[in-house]
Amino acid sequence: MRALLQRVTSARVEVSGETVGAIDRGLLVLLGIARDDGPGDAERLAKRTLELRIFPDADKPMNRSLLDVGGAVLVVSQFTLCADTSRGRRPGFSTTAPPDVAEPLVEAFVGHCREGGVEVASGRFGADMQVHLVNDGPVTFLLE
């Protein structure tokens, strides 16, 4: 499981011109599910996402977590994060989880974030989505 975290001042995701999820200050999480991922991975990665100290305070540019600043999370499923790009010029997707495995794990990640006490919005699994964001910093991290 991979999560590409982008610290944002705002983000939204649209499907067919309709906004299906939007947040103000917080994290845009592009979430990739690999074939061998399970429920424990979703819980562990959600906890790391909420507790990663990447927001500024008066002393340091990266000293506070999403929980500390009261930020929100926008979760967008992105299977391409788990693609195999080690050979050739075309990515392979044999390492990505099939939709019937990935969708419940995305929902589990979303659920764990909600249980953590933050506002959570999400995209629509399997849809052609347009993601709009204002990256703050820019600050971007890949968690695995």
Protein backbone atom coordinates (compact mmCIF):
# COMPACT_ATOMS: atom_id res chain seq x y z
CA MET A 1 0.00 0.00 0.00
CA ARG A 2 1.32 3.41 -0.94
CA ALA A 3 0.07 6.83 0.03
CA LEU A 4 1.30 9.94 -1.71
CA LEU A 5 0.59 12.76 0.75
CA GLN A 6 0.39 16.32 -0.44
CA ARG A 7 -0.01 19.10 2.11
CA VAL A 8 -2.69 21.41 0.72
CA THR A 9 -4.45 24.65 1.50
CA SER A 10 -7.40 23.28 -0.50
CA ALA A 11 -8.22 20.30 -2.71
CA ARG A 12 -11.22 18.86 -4.51
CA VAL A 13 -12.03 15.95 -6.77
CA GLU A 14 -14.58 16.01 -9.58
CA VAL A 15 -16.34 13.29 -11.51
CA SER A 16 -18.11 14.34 -14.72
CA GLY A 17 -17.88 18.00 -13.66
CA GLU A 18 -19.47 17.37 -10.25
CA THR A 19 -17.44 17.92 -7.07
CA VAL A 20 -17.63 14.67 -5.09
CA GLY A 21 -15.13 15.57 -2.36
CA ALA A 22 -13.43 18.74 -1.15
CA ILE A 23 -11.33 19.96 1.78
CA ASP A 24 -9.61 23.10 2.94
CA ARG A 25 -6.32 22.86 4.86
CA GLY A 26 -5.04 19.32 5.22
CA LEU A 27 -3.75 16.43 3.16
CA LEU A 28 -4.62 15.13 -0.26
CA VAL A 29 -3.89 11.39 -0.10
CA LEU A 30 -3.45 9.52 -3.37
CA LEU A 31 -3.82 5.89 -2.25
CA GLY A 32 -2.51 2.88 -4.16
CA ILE A 33 -3.39 -0.68 -3.15
CA ALA A 34 -1.01 -3.52 -4.03
CA ARG A 35 -2.03 -7.13 -4.62
CA ASP A 36 -0.66 -8.36 -1.27
CA ASP A 37 -2.09 -5.57 0.94
CA GLY A 38 -4.54 -6.29 3.72
CA PRO A 39 -6.67 -4.60 6.39
CA GLY A 40 -3.72 -4.18 8.76
CA ASP A 41 -1.90 -2.16 6.11
CA ALA A 42 -4.85 0.23 5.82
CA GLU A 43 -4.97 0.79 9.57
CA ARG A 44 -1.19 1.27 9.90
CA LEU A 45 -0.97 3.67 6.96
CA ALA A 46 -3.96 5.73 8.15
CA LYS A 47 -2.36 6.12 11.58
CA ARG A 48 0.95 7.21 10.03
CA THR A 49 -0.89 9.66 7.76
CA LEU A 50 -2.69 11.33 10.65
CA GLU A 51 0.38 11.48 12.90
CA LEU A 52 3.13 12.45 10.42
CA ARG A 53 4.57 15.79 11.57
CA ILE A 54 4.61 17.82 8.34
CA PHE A 55 2.77 21.00 9.32
CA PRO A 56 4.51 24.11 10.65
CA ASP A 57 4.35 25.73 14.03
CA ALA A 58 6.11 28.84 15.34
CA ASP A 59 9.37 26.93 15.93
CA LYS A 60 9.81 24.57 12.99
CA PRO A 61 8.43 24.20 9.44
CA MET A 62 7.50 20.55 10.08
CA ASN A 63 6.62 20.01 13.70
CA ARG A 64 2.86 19.36 13.86
CA SER A 65 0.64 16.55 12.61
CA LEU A 66 -2.67 16.73 10.80
CA LEU A 67 -4.32 15.95 14.14
CA ASP A 68 -2.45 18.81 15.80
CA VAL A 69 -3.59 21.39 13.24
CA GLY A 70 -7.17 20.15 12.90
CA GLY A 71 -6.77 19.52 9.18
CA ALA A 72 -8.87 17.38 6.85
CA VAL A 73 -8.08 14.51 4.47
CA LEU A 74 -9.16 14.02 0.86
CA VAL A 75 -8.57 10.39 -0.17
CA VAL A 76 -8.36 9.54 -3.88
CA SER A 77 -7.80 5.95 -4.97
CA GLN A 78 -4.95 5.78 -7.49
CA PHE A 79 -4.02 2.28 -8.64
CA THR A 80 -1.13 3.60 -10.76
CA LEU A 81 0.92 4.23 -7.60
CA CYS A 82 1.49 0.48 -7.32
CA ALA A 83 2.39 -0.07 -10.98
CA ASP A 84 5.62 -1.83 -11.92
CA THR A 85 7.79 0.59 -13.88
CA SER A 86 11.04 -1.35 -13.59
CA ARG A 87 11.11 -2.58 -17.20
CA GLY A 88 10.43 -1.09 -20.58
CA ARG A 89 8.42 2.01 -21.29
CA ARG A 90 4.93 0.80 -20.40
CA PRO A 91 3.93 0.29 -16.76
CA GLY A 92 2.73 -3.14 -15.68
CA PHE A 93 -0.21 -3.57 -13.35
CA SER A 94 0.19 -7.17 -12.18
CA THR A 95 1.31 -5.82 -8.78
CA THR A 96 -1.86 -3.77 -8.23
CA ALA A 97 -4.83 -5.17 -6.36
CA PRO A 98 -7.92 -6.02 -8.40
CA PRO A 99 -10.89 -3.71 -7.80
CA ASP A 100 -12.80 -6.21 -5.61
CA VAL A 101 -9.80 -6.32 -3.24
CA ALA A 102 -8.74 -2.66 -3.51
CA GLU A 103 -12.09 -0.95 -2.94
CA PRO A 104 -12.71 -2.40 0.56
CA LEU A 105 -9.14 -1.48 1.56
CA VAL A 106 -9.60 2.10 0.37
CA GLU A 107 -12.81 2.25 2.41
CA ALA A 108 -10.99 0.78 5.41
CA PHE A 109 -8.30 3.49 5.11
CA VAL A 110 -11.03 6.16 4.95
CA GLY A 111 -12.76 4.61 7.97
CA HIS A 112 -9.57 4.57 10.04
CA CYS A 113 -8.95 8.23 9.20
CA ARG A 114 -12.50 9.09 10.35
CA GLU A 115 -12.00 7.07 13.53
CA GLY A 116 -8.88 9.18 14.09
CA GLY A 117 -11.12 12.21 14.45
CA VAL A 118 -10.53 14.16 11.26
CA GLU A 119 -12.87 15.34 8.53
CA VAL A 120 -12.53 12.98 5.55
CA ALA A 121 -13.70 13.43 1.96
CA SER A 122 -13.03 11.04 -0.88
CA GLY A 123 -13.16 10.53 -4.59
CA ARG A 124 -15.24 7.85 -6.30
CA PHE A 125 -13.55 4.47 -6.63
CA GLY A 126 -12.94 3.43 -10.24
CA ALA A 127 -14.21 6.70 -11.72
CA ASP A 128 -12.39 9.01 -14.11
CA MET A 129 -11.57 11.80 -11.66
CA GLN A 130 -10.10 15.26 -11.99
CA VAL A 131 -8.15 16.32 -8.92
CA HIS A 132 -7.59 20.00 -8.17
CA LEU A 133 -5.24 21.11 -5.41
CA VAL A 134 -3.21 23.95 -4.05
CA ASN A 135 -0.05 22.27 -2.78
CA ASP A 136 1.22 24.06 0.32
CA GLY A 137 5.00 24.38 0.28
CA PRO A 138 5.06 22.32 -1.92
CA VAL A 139 5.22 19.46 0.57
CA THR A 140 4.83 15.91 -0.74
CA PHE A 141 5.73 12.57 0.90
CA LEU A 142 5.41 8.94 -0.17
CA LEU A 143 4.48 6.49 2.60
CA GLU A 144 4.72 2.75 2.08
